[in-house]
């Protein structure tokens, strides 16, 4: 039986891990941009219908950031890097 320990990442997983930091930074920037738009009081006065769409997009962006961090941790753990 094979000893338990860190497994080797596949080539695809290595590529994913290498691009993870950039993906997280991009997702965080998108979330922050949406948050900035939602923080603008003029939006609520000039385009109240847009608020609901932007709010949903903001929550989806926040969930994406969390998912990316979780996946990054998963890949790091699989690679044995702590």
PDB file of N, CA and C in Angstrom:
ATOM      1  N   UNK A   1       0.822  -1.205   0.000  1.00  0.00           N
ATOM      2  CA  UNK A   1       0.000   0.000   0.000  1.00  0.00           C
ATOM      3  C   UNK A   1       0.861   1.262   0.000  1.00  0.00           C
ATOM      4  N   UNK A   2       0.392   2.236  -0.688  1.00  0.00           N
ATOM      5  CA  UNK A   2       1.112   3.497  -0.799  1.00  0.00           C
ATOM      6  C   UNK A   2       1.001   4.291   0.494  1.00  0.00           C
ATOM      7  N   UNK A   3       2.102   4.865   0.919  1.00  0.00           N
ATOM      8  CA  UNK A   3       2.112   5.668   2.138  1.00  0.00           C
ATOM      9  C   UNK A   3       1.321   6.949   1.911  1.00  0.00           C
ATOM     10  N   UNK A   4       0.582   7.345   2.919  1.00  0.00           N
ATOM     11  CA  UNK A   4      -0.169   8.593   2.837  1.00  0.00           C
ATOM     12  C   UNK A   4       0.791   9.774   2.912  1.00  0.00           C
ATOM     13  N   UNK A   5       0.547  10.728   2.140  1.00  0.00           N
ATOM     14  CA  UNK A   5       1.380  11.918   2.125  1.00  0.00           C
ATOM     15  C   UNK A   5       0.948  12.800   0.987  1.00  0.00           C
ATOM     16  N   UNK A   6       1.678  13.862   0.757  1.00  0.00           N
ATOM     17  CA  UNK A   6       1.283  14.752  -0.328  1.00  0.00           C
ATOM     18  C   UNK A   6       1.364  14.042  -1.672  1.00  0.00           C
ATOM     19  N   UNK A   7       0.344  14.251  -2.464  1.00  0.00           N
ATOM     20  CA  UNK A   7       0.362  13.663  -3.805  1.00  0.00           C
ATOM     21  C   UNK A   7       0.957  14.673  -4.764  1.00  0.00           C
ATOM     22  N   UNK A   8       1.356  14.187  -5.895  1.00  0.00           N
ATOM     23  CA  UNK A   8       1.890  15.089  -6.911  1.00  0.00           C
ATOM     24  C   UNK A   8       0.723  15.720  -7.663  1.00  0.00           C
ATOM     25  N   UNK A   9       0.886  16.974  -7.964  1.00  0.00           N
ATOM     26  CA  UNK A   9      -0.130  17.658  -8.747  1.00  0.00           C
ATOM     27  C   UNK A   9      -0.011  17.261 -10.205  1.00  0.00           C
ATOM     28  N   UNK A  10      -1.135  17.237 -10.878  1.00  0.00           N
ATOM     29  CA  UNK A  10      -1.107  17.002 -12.317  1.00  0.00           C
ATOM     30  C   UNK A  10      -0.578  18.265 -12.989  1.00  0.00           C
ATOM     31  N   UNK A  11      -0.244  18.158 -14.259  1.00  0.00           N
ATOM     32  CA  UNK A  11       0.245  19.315 -14.997  1.00  0.00           C
ATOM     33  C   UNK A  11      -0.805  20.421 -14.980  1.00  0.00           C
ATOM     34  N   UNK A  12      -2.064  20.029 -15.187  1.00  0.00           N
ATOM     35  CA  UNK A  12      -3.156  20.995 -15.205  1.00  0.00           C
ATOM     36  C   UNK A  12      -3.286  21.693 -13.850  1.00  0.00           C
ATOM     37  N   UNK A  13      -3.168  20.942 -12.770  1.00  0.00           N
ATOM     38  CA  UNK A  13      -3.247  21.524 -11.428  1.00  0.00           C
ATOM     39  C   UNK A  13      -2.076  22.466 -11.159  1.00  0.00           C
ATOM     40  N   UNK A  14      -0.889  22.098 -11.644  1.00  0.00           N
ATOM     41  CA  UNK A  14       0.270  22.983 -11.478  1.00  0.00           C
ATOM     42  C   UNK A  14       0.044  24.302 -12.198  1.00  0.00           C
ATOM     43  N   UNK A  15      -0.503  24.225 -13.403  1.00  0.00           N
ATOM     44  CA  UNK A  15      -0.796  25.441 -14.165  1.00  0.00           C
ATOM     45  C   UNK A  15      -1.839  26.283 -13.435  1.00  0.00           C
ATOM     46  N   UNK A  16      -2.839  25.623 -12.907  1.00  0.00           N
ATOM     47  CA  UNK A  16      -3.885  26.322 -12.163  1.00  0.00           C
ATOM     48  C   UNK A  16      -3.294  27.016 -10.933  1.00  0.00           C
ATOM     49  N   UNK A  17      -2.427  26.307 -10.212  1.00  0.00           N
ATOM     50  CA  UNK A  17      -1.806  26.865  -9.013  1.00  0.00           C
ATOM     51  C   UNK A  17      -0.930  28.070  -9.362  1.00  0.00           C
ATOM     52  N   UNK A  18      -0.203  27.978 -10.456  1.00  0.00           N
ATOM     53  CA  UNK A  18       0.665  29.082 -10.867  1.00  0.00           C
ATOM     54  C   UNK A  18      -0.128  30.340 -11.209  1.00  0.00           C
ATOM     55  N   UNK A  19      -1.326  30.172 -11.729  1.00  0.00           N
ATOM     56  CA  UNK A  19      -2.143  31.321 -12.100  1.00  0.00           C
ATOM     57  C   UNK A  19      -3.121  31.751 -11.022  1.00  0.00           C
ATOM     58  N   UNK A  20      -3.107  31.060  -9.893  1.00  0.00           N
ATOM     59  CA  UNK A  20      -4.101  31.323  -8.863  1.00  0.00           C
ATOM     60  C   UNK A  20      -3.982  32.720  -8.262  1.00  0.00           C
ATOM     61  N   UNK A  21      -2.779  33.177  -7.991  1.00  0.00           N
ATOM     62  CA  UNK A  21      -2.620  34.495  -7.380  1.00  0.00           C
ATOM     63  C   UNK A  21      -3.182  35.581  -8.292  1.00  0.00           C
ATOM     64  N   UNK A  22      -2.884  35.500  -9.566  1.00  0.00           N
ATOM     65  CA  UNK A  22      -3.389  36.496 -10.517  1.00  0.00           C
ATOM     66  C   UNK A  22      -4.911  36.424 -10.612  1.00  0.00           C
ATOM     67  N   UNK A  23      -5.460  35.221 -10.605  1.00  0.00           N
ATOM     68  CA  UNK A  23      -6.915  35.063 -10.670  1.00  0.00           C
ATOM     69  C   UNK A  23      -7.581  35.665  -9.434  1.00  0.00           C
ATOM     70  N   UNK A  24      -6.972  35.456  -8.274  1.00  0.00           N
ATOM     71  CA  UNK A  24      -7.525  36.016  -7.039  1.00  0.00           C
ATOM     72  C   UNK A  24      -7.461  37.538  -7.057  1.00  0.00           C
ATOM     73  N   UNK A  25      -6.326  38.084  -7.479  1.00  0.00           N
ATOM     74  CA  UNK A  25      -6.197  39.538  -7.544  1.00  0.00           C
ATOM     75  C   UNK A  25      -7.218  40.150  -8.494  1.00  0.00           C
ATOM     76  N   UNK A  26      -7.442  39.500  -9.615  1.00  0.00           N
ATOM     77  CA  UNK A  26      -8.423  39.984 -10.585  1.00  0.00           C
ATOM     78  C   UNK A  26      -9.835  39.914 -10.005  1.00  0.00           C
ATOM     79  N   UNK A  27     -10.151  38.798  -9.354  1.00  0.00           N
ATOM     80  CA  UNK A  27     -11.480  38.638  -8.760  1.00  0.00           C
ATOM     81  C   UNK A  27     -11.704  39.642  -7.632  1.00  0.00           C
ATOM     82  N   UNK A  28     -10.676  39.886  -6.829  1.00  0.00           N
ATOM     83  CA  UNK A  28     -10.796  40.871  -5.753  1.00  0.00           C
ATOM     84  C   UNK A  28     -10.981  42.281  -6.314  1.00  0.00           C
ATOM     85  N   UNK A  29     -10.270  42.595  -7.385  1.00  0.00           N
ATOM     86  CA  UNK A  29     -10.401  43.913  -8.004  1.00  0.00           C
ATOM     87  C   UNK A  29     -11.807  44.114  -8.549  1.00  0.00           C
ATOM     88  N   UNK A  30     -12.360  43.075  -9.158  1.00  0.00           N
ATOM     89  CA  UNK A  30     -13.727  43.143  -9.680  1.00  0.00           C
ATOM     90  C   UNK A  30     -14.725  43.353  -8.539  1.00  0.00           C
ATOM     91  N   UNK A  31     -14.545  42.608  -7.458  1.00  0.00           N
ATOM     92  CA  UNK A  31     -15.424  42.744  -6.291  1.00  0.00           C
ATOM     93  C   UNK A  31     -15.333  44.158  -5.717  1.00  0.00           C
ATOM     94  N   UNK A  32     -14.114  44.681  -5.611  1.00  0.00           N
ATOM     95  CA  UNK A  32     -13.928  46.024  -5.059  1.00  0.00           C
ATOM     96  C   UNK A  32     -14.544  47.090  -5.967  1.00  0.00           C
ATOM     97  N   UNK A  33     -14.421  46.908  -7.272  1.00  0.00           N
ATOM     98  CA  UNK A  33     -15.022  47.866  -8.201  1.00  0.00           C
ATOM     99  C   UNK A  33     -16.536  47.876  -8.049  1.00  0.00           C
ATOM    100  N   UNK A  34     -17.117  46.710  -7.928  1.00  0.00           N
ATOM    101  CA  UNK A  34     -18.565  46.629  -7.729  1.00  0.00           C
ATOM    102  C   UNK A  34     -18.955  47.246  -6.393  1.00  0.00           C
ATOM    103  N   UNK A  35     -18.171  46.982  -5.363  1.00  0.00           N
ATOM    104  CA  UNK A  35     -18.437  47.569  -4.051  1.00  0.00           C
ATOM    105  C   UNK A  35     -18.370  49.087  -4.098  1.00  0.00           C
ATOM    106  N   UNK A  36     -17.422  49.603  -4.851  1.00  0.00           N
ATOM    107  CA  UNK A  36     -17.298  51.047  -5.015  1.00  0.00           C
ATOM    108  C   UNK A  36     -18.507  51.650  -5.710  1.00  0.00           C
ATOM    109  N   UNK A  37     -18.976  50.961  -6.724  1.00  0.00           N
ATOM    110  CA  UNK A  37     -20.174  51.456  -7.430  1.00  0.00           C
ATOM    111  C   UNK A  37     -21.388  51.417  -6.522  1.00  0.00           C
ATOM    112  N   UNK A  38     -21.497  50.356  -5.726  1.00  0.00           N
ATOM    113  CA  UNK A  38     -22.634  50.245  -4.811  1.00  0.00           C
ATOM    114  C   UNK A  38     -22.559  51.252  -3.667  1.00  0.00           C
ATOM    115  N   UNK A  39     -21.377  51.731  -3.363  1.00  0.00           N
ATOM    116  CA  UNK A  39     -21.208  52.710  -2.289  1.00  0.00           C
ATOM    117  C   UNK A  39     -21.518  54.133  -2.754  1.00  0.00           C
ATOM    118  N   UNK A  40     -21.711  54.311  -4.040  1.00  0.00           N
ATOM    119  CA  UNK A  40     -21.978  55.636  -4.592  1.00  0.00           C
ATOM    120  C   UNK A  40     -23.467  55.983  -4.428  1.00  0.00           C
ATOM    121  N   UNK A  41     -23.781  56.983  -3.613  1.00  0.00           N
ATOM    122  CA  UNK A  41     -25.186  57.347  -3.401  1.00  0.00           C
ATOM    123  C   UNK A  41     -25.894  57.790  -4.689  1.00  0.00           C
ATOM    124  N   UNK A  42     -25.138  58.300  -5.646  1.00  0.00           N
ATOM    125  CA  UNK A  42     -25.740  58.757  -6.903  1.00  0.00           C
ATOM    126  C   UNK A  42     -26.375  57.593  -7.664  1.00  0.00           C
ATOM    127  N   UNK A  43     -25.820  56.417  -7.513  1.00  0.00           N
ATOM    128  CA  UNK A  43     -26.380  55.241  -8.191  1.00  0.00           C
ATOM    129  C   UNK A  43     -27.818  55.007  -7.759  1.00  0.00           C
ATOM    130  N   UNK A  44     -28.073  55.149  -6.484  1.00  0.00           N
ATOM    131  CA  UNK A  44     -29.406  54.881  -5.946  1.00  0.00           C
ATOM    132  C   UNK A  44     -30.413  55.935  -6.409  1.00  0.00           C
ATOM    133  N   UNK A  45     -29.934  57.132  -6.655  1.00  0.00           N
ATOM    134  CA  UNK A  45     -30.818  58.202  -7.114  1.00  0.00           C
ATOM    135  C   UNK A  45     -31.044  58.146  -8.619  1.00  0.00           C
ATOM    136  N   UNK A  46     -29.986  57.837  -9.368  1.00  0.00           N
ATOM    137  CA  UNK A  46     -30.084  57.907 -10.828  1.00  0.00           C
ATOM    138  C   UNK A  46     -30.504  56.599 -11.489  1.00  0.00           C
ATOM    139  N   UNK A  47     -30.153  55.464 -10.889  1.00  0.00           N
ATOM    140  CA  UNK A  47     -30.466  54.167 -11.516  1.00  0.00           C
ATOM    141  C   UNK A  47     -30.845  53.137 -10.457  1.00  0.00           C
ATOM    142  N   UNK A  48     -31.959  53.329  -9.783  1.00  0.00           N
ATOM    143  CA  UNK A  48     -32.322  52.403  -8.719  1.00  0.00           C
ATOM    144  C   UNK A  48     -32.511  50.964  -9.208  1.00  0.00           C
ATOM    145  N   UNK A  49     -32.907  50.789 -10.443  1.00  0.00           N
ATOM    146  CA  UNK A  49     -33.072  49.445 -10.989  1.00  0.00           C
ATOM    147  C   UNK A  49     -31.748  48.714 -11.152  1.00  0.00           C
ATOM    148  N   UNK A  50     -30.692  49.465 -11.305  1.00  0.00           N
ATOM    149  CA  UNK A  50     -29.350  48.895 -11.492  1.00  0.00           C
ATOM    150  C   UNK A  50     -28.790  48.353 -10.175  1.00  0.00           C
ATOM    151  N   UNK A  51     -29.272  48.856  -9.063  1.00  0.00           N
ATOM    152  CA  UNK A  51     -28.757  48.471  -7.750  1.00  0.00           C
ATOM    153  C   UNK A  51     -28.908  46.980  -7.502  1.00  0.00           C
ATOM    154  N   UNK A  52     -30.069  46.444  -7.816  1.00  0.00           N
ATOM    155  CA  UNK A  52     -30.299  45.019  -7.576  1.00  0.00           C
ATOM    156  C   UNK A  52     -29.355  44.160  -8.418  1.00  0.00           C
ATOM    157  N   UNK A  53     -29.168  44.519  -9.668  1.00  0.00           N
ATOM    158  CA  UNK A  53     -28.266  43.756 -10.534  1.00  0.00           C
ATOM    159  C   UNK A  53     -26.832  43.828 -10.021  1.00  0.00           C
ATOM    160  N   UNK A  54     -26.395  45.038  -9.668  1.00  0.00           N
ATOM    161  CA  UNK A  54     -25.034  45.203  -9.165  1.00  0.00           C
ATOM    162  C   UNK A  54     -24.836  44.476  -7.834  1.00  0.00           C
ATOM    163  N   UNK A  55     -25.854  44.497  -7.004  1.00  0.00           N
ATOM    164  CA  UNK A  55     -25.765  43.799  -5.718  1.00  0.00           C
ATOM    165  C   UNK A  55     -25.616  42.298  -5.922  1.00  0.00           C
ATOM    166  N   UNK A  56     -26.387  41.741  -6.826  1.00  0.00           N
ATOM    167  CA  UNK A  56     -26.277  40.312  -7.128  1.00  0.00           C
ATOM    168  C   UNK A  56     -24.907  39.991  -7.712  1.00  0.00           C
ATOM    169  N   UNK A  57     -24.419  40.863  -8.588  1.00  0.00           N
ATOM    170  CA  UNK A  57     -23.097  40.663  -9.187  1.00  0.00           C
ATOM    171  C   UNK A  57     -21.998  40.761  -8.128  1.00  0.00           C
ATOM    172  N   UNK A  58     -22.169  41.692  -7.164  1.00  0.00           N
ATOM    173  CA  UNK A  58     -21.205  41.829  -6.083  1.00  0.00           C
ATOM    174  C   UNK A  58     -21.145  40.554  -5.235  1.00  0.00           C
ATOM    175  N   UNK A  59     -22.306  40.008  -4.896  1.00  0.00           N
ATOM    176  CA  UNK A  59     -22.338  38.794  -4.075  1.00  0.00           C
ATOM    177  C   UNK A  59     -21.739  37.606  -4.829  1.00  0.00           C
ATOM    178  N   UNK A  60     -21.978  37.534  -6.129  1.00  0.00           N
ATOM    179  CA  UNK A  60     -21.374  36.473  -6.943  1.00  0.00           C
ATOM    180  C   UNK A  60     -19.855  36.642  -7.001  1.00  0.00           C
ATOM    181  N   UNK A  61     -19.388  37.886  -7.106  1.00  0.00           N
ATOM    182  CA  UNK A  61     -17.948  38.151  -7.146  1.00  0.00           C
ATOM    183  C   UNK A  61     -17.301  37.793  -5.809  1.00  0.00           C
ATOM    184  N   UNK A  62     -17.979  38.101  -4.708  1.00  0.00           N
ATOM    185  CA  UNK A  62     -17.454  37.757  -3.386  1.00  0.00           C
ATOM    186  C   UNK A  62     -17.377  36.241  -3.217  1.00  0.00           C
ATOM    187  N   UNK A  63     -18.380  35.536  -3.703  1.00  0.00           N
ATOM    188  CA  UNK A  63     -18.366  34.073  -3.629  1.00  0.00           C
ATOM    189  C   UNK A  63     -17.237  33.507  -4.479  1.00  0.00           C
ATOM    190  N   UNK A  64     -16.976  34.118  -5.621  1.00  0.00           N
ATOM    191  CA  UNK A  64     -15.872  33.665  -6.487  1.00  0.00           C
ATOM    192  C   UNK A  64     -14.534  33.839  -5.782  1.00  0.00           C
ATOM    193  N   UNK A  65     -14.348  34.960  -5.110  1.00  0.00           N
ATOM    194  CA  UNK A  65     -13.098  35.192  -4.375  1.00  0.00           C
ATOM    195  C   UNK A  65     -12.917  34.102  -3.314  1.00  0.00           C
ATOM    196  N   UNK A  66     -13.962  33.823  -2.568  1.00  0.00           N
ATOM    197  CA  UNK A  66     -13.882  32.784  -1.535  1.00  0.00           C
ATOM    198  C   UNK A  66     -13.586  31.419  -2.141  1.00  0.00           C
ATOM    199  N   UNK A  67     -14.225  31.121  -3.269  1.00  0.00           N
ATOM    200  CA  UNK A  67     -13.992  29.839  -3.933  1.00  0.00           C
ATOM    201  C   UNK A  67     -12.550  29.728  -4.433  1.00  0.00           C
ATOM    202  N   UNK A  68     -12.014  30.815  -4.946  1.00  0.00           N
ATOM    203  CA  UNK A  68     -10.629  30.802  -5.424  1.00  0.00           C
ATOM    204  C   UNK A  68      -9.654  30.580  -4.267  1.00  0.00           C
ATOM    205  N   UNK A  69      -9.897  31.245  -3.131  1.00  0.00           N
ATOM    206  CA  UNK A  69      -9.032  31.037  -1.967  1.00  0.00           C
ATOM    207  C   UNK A  69      -9.118  29.586  -1.484  1.00  0.00           C
ATOM    208  N   UNK A  70     -10.318  29.027  -1.490  1.00  0.00           N
ATOM    209  CA  UNK A  70     -10.488  27.634  -1.064  1.00  0.00           C
ATOM    210  C   UNK A  70      -9.749  26.689  -2.016  1.00  0.00           C
ATOM    211  N   UNK A  71      -9.864  26.945  -3.303  1.00  0.00           N
ATOM    212  CA  UNK A  71      -9.183  26.100  -4.285  1.00  0.00           C
ATOM    213  C   UNK A  71      -7.672  26.237  -4.159  1.00  0.00           C
ATOM    214  N   UNK A  72      -7.187  27.440  -3.908  1.00  0.00           N
ATOM    215  CA  UNK A  72      -5.756  27.673  -3.729  1.00  0.00           C
ATOM    216  C   UNK A  72      -5.259  26.867  -2.533  1.00  0.00           C
ATOM    217  N   UNK A  73      -5.981  26.915  -1.438  1.00  0.00           N
ATOM    218  CA  UNK A  73      -5.594  26.148  -0.247  1.00  0.00           C
ATOM    219  C   UNK A  73      -5.600  24.653  -0.539  1.00  0.00           C
ATOM    220  N   UNK A  74      -6.583  24.216  -1.298  1.00  0.00           N
ATOM    221  CA  UNK A  74      -6.682  22.801  -1.664  1.00  0.00           C
ATOM    222  C   UNK A  74      -5.481  22.363  -2.500  1.00  0.00           C
ATOM    223  N   UNK A  75      -5.108  23.174  -3.465  1.00  0.00           N
ATOM    224  CA  UNK A  75      -3.958  22.842  -4.313  1.00  0.00           C
ATOM    225  C   UNK A  75      -2.654  22.875  -3.516  1.00  0.00           C
ATOM    226  N   UNK A  76      -2.512  23.869  -2.654  1.00  0.00           N
ATOM    227  CA  UNK A  76      -1.311  23.967  -1.830  1.00  0.00           C
ATOM    228  C   UNK A  76      -1.196  22.738  -0.921  1.00  0.00           C
ATOM    229  N   UNK A  77      -2.304  22.331  -0.346  1.00  0.00           N
ATOM    230  CA  UNK A  77      -2.295  21.160   0.531  1.00  0.00           C
ATOM    231  C   UNK A  77      -1.963  19.897  -0.250  1.00  0.00           C
ATOM    232  N   UNK A  78      -2.535  19.777  -1.428  1.00  0.00           N
ATOM    233  CA  UNK A  78      -2.277  18.595  -2.271  1.00  0.00           C
ATOM    234  C   UNK A  78      -0.820  18.522  -2.681  1.00  0.00           C
ATOM    235  N   UNK A  79      -0.219  19.694  -2.876  1.00  0.00           N
ATOM    236  CA  UNK A  79       1.192  19.730  -3.292  1.00  0.00           C
ATOM    237  C   UNK A  79       2.124  19.528  -2.118  1.00  0.00           C
ATOM    238  N   UNK A  80       1.575  19.626  -0.917  1.00  0.00           N
ATOM    239  CA  UNK A  80       2.414  19.431   0.261  1.00  0.00           C
ATOM    240  C   UNK A  80       3.079  20.699   0.724  1.00  0.00           C
ATOM    241  N   UNK A  81       2.763  21.814   0.106  1.00  0.00           N
ATOM    242  CA  UNK A  81       3.315  23.104   0.510  1.00  0.00           C
ATOM    243  C   UNK A  81       2.435  23.690   1.596  1.00  0.00           C
ATOM    244  N   UNK A  82       3.019  23.984   2.715  1.00  0.00           N
ATOM    245  CA  UNK A  82       2.244  24.527   3.834  1.00  0.00           C
ATOM    246  C   UNK A  82       2.712  25.912   4.147  1.00  0.00           C
TER     247      UNK A  82
END
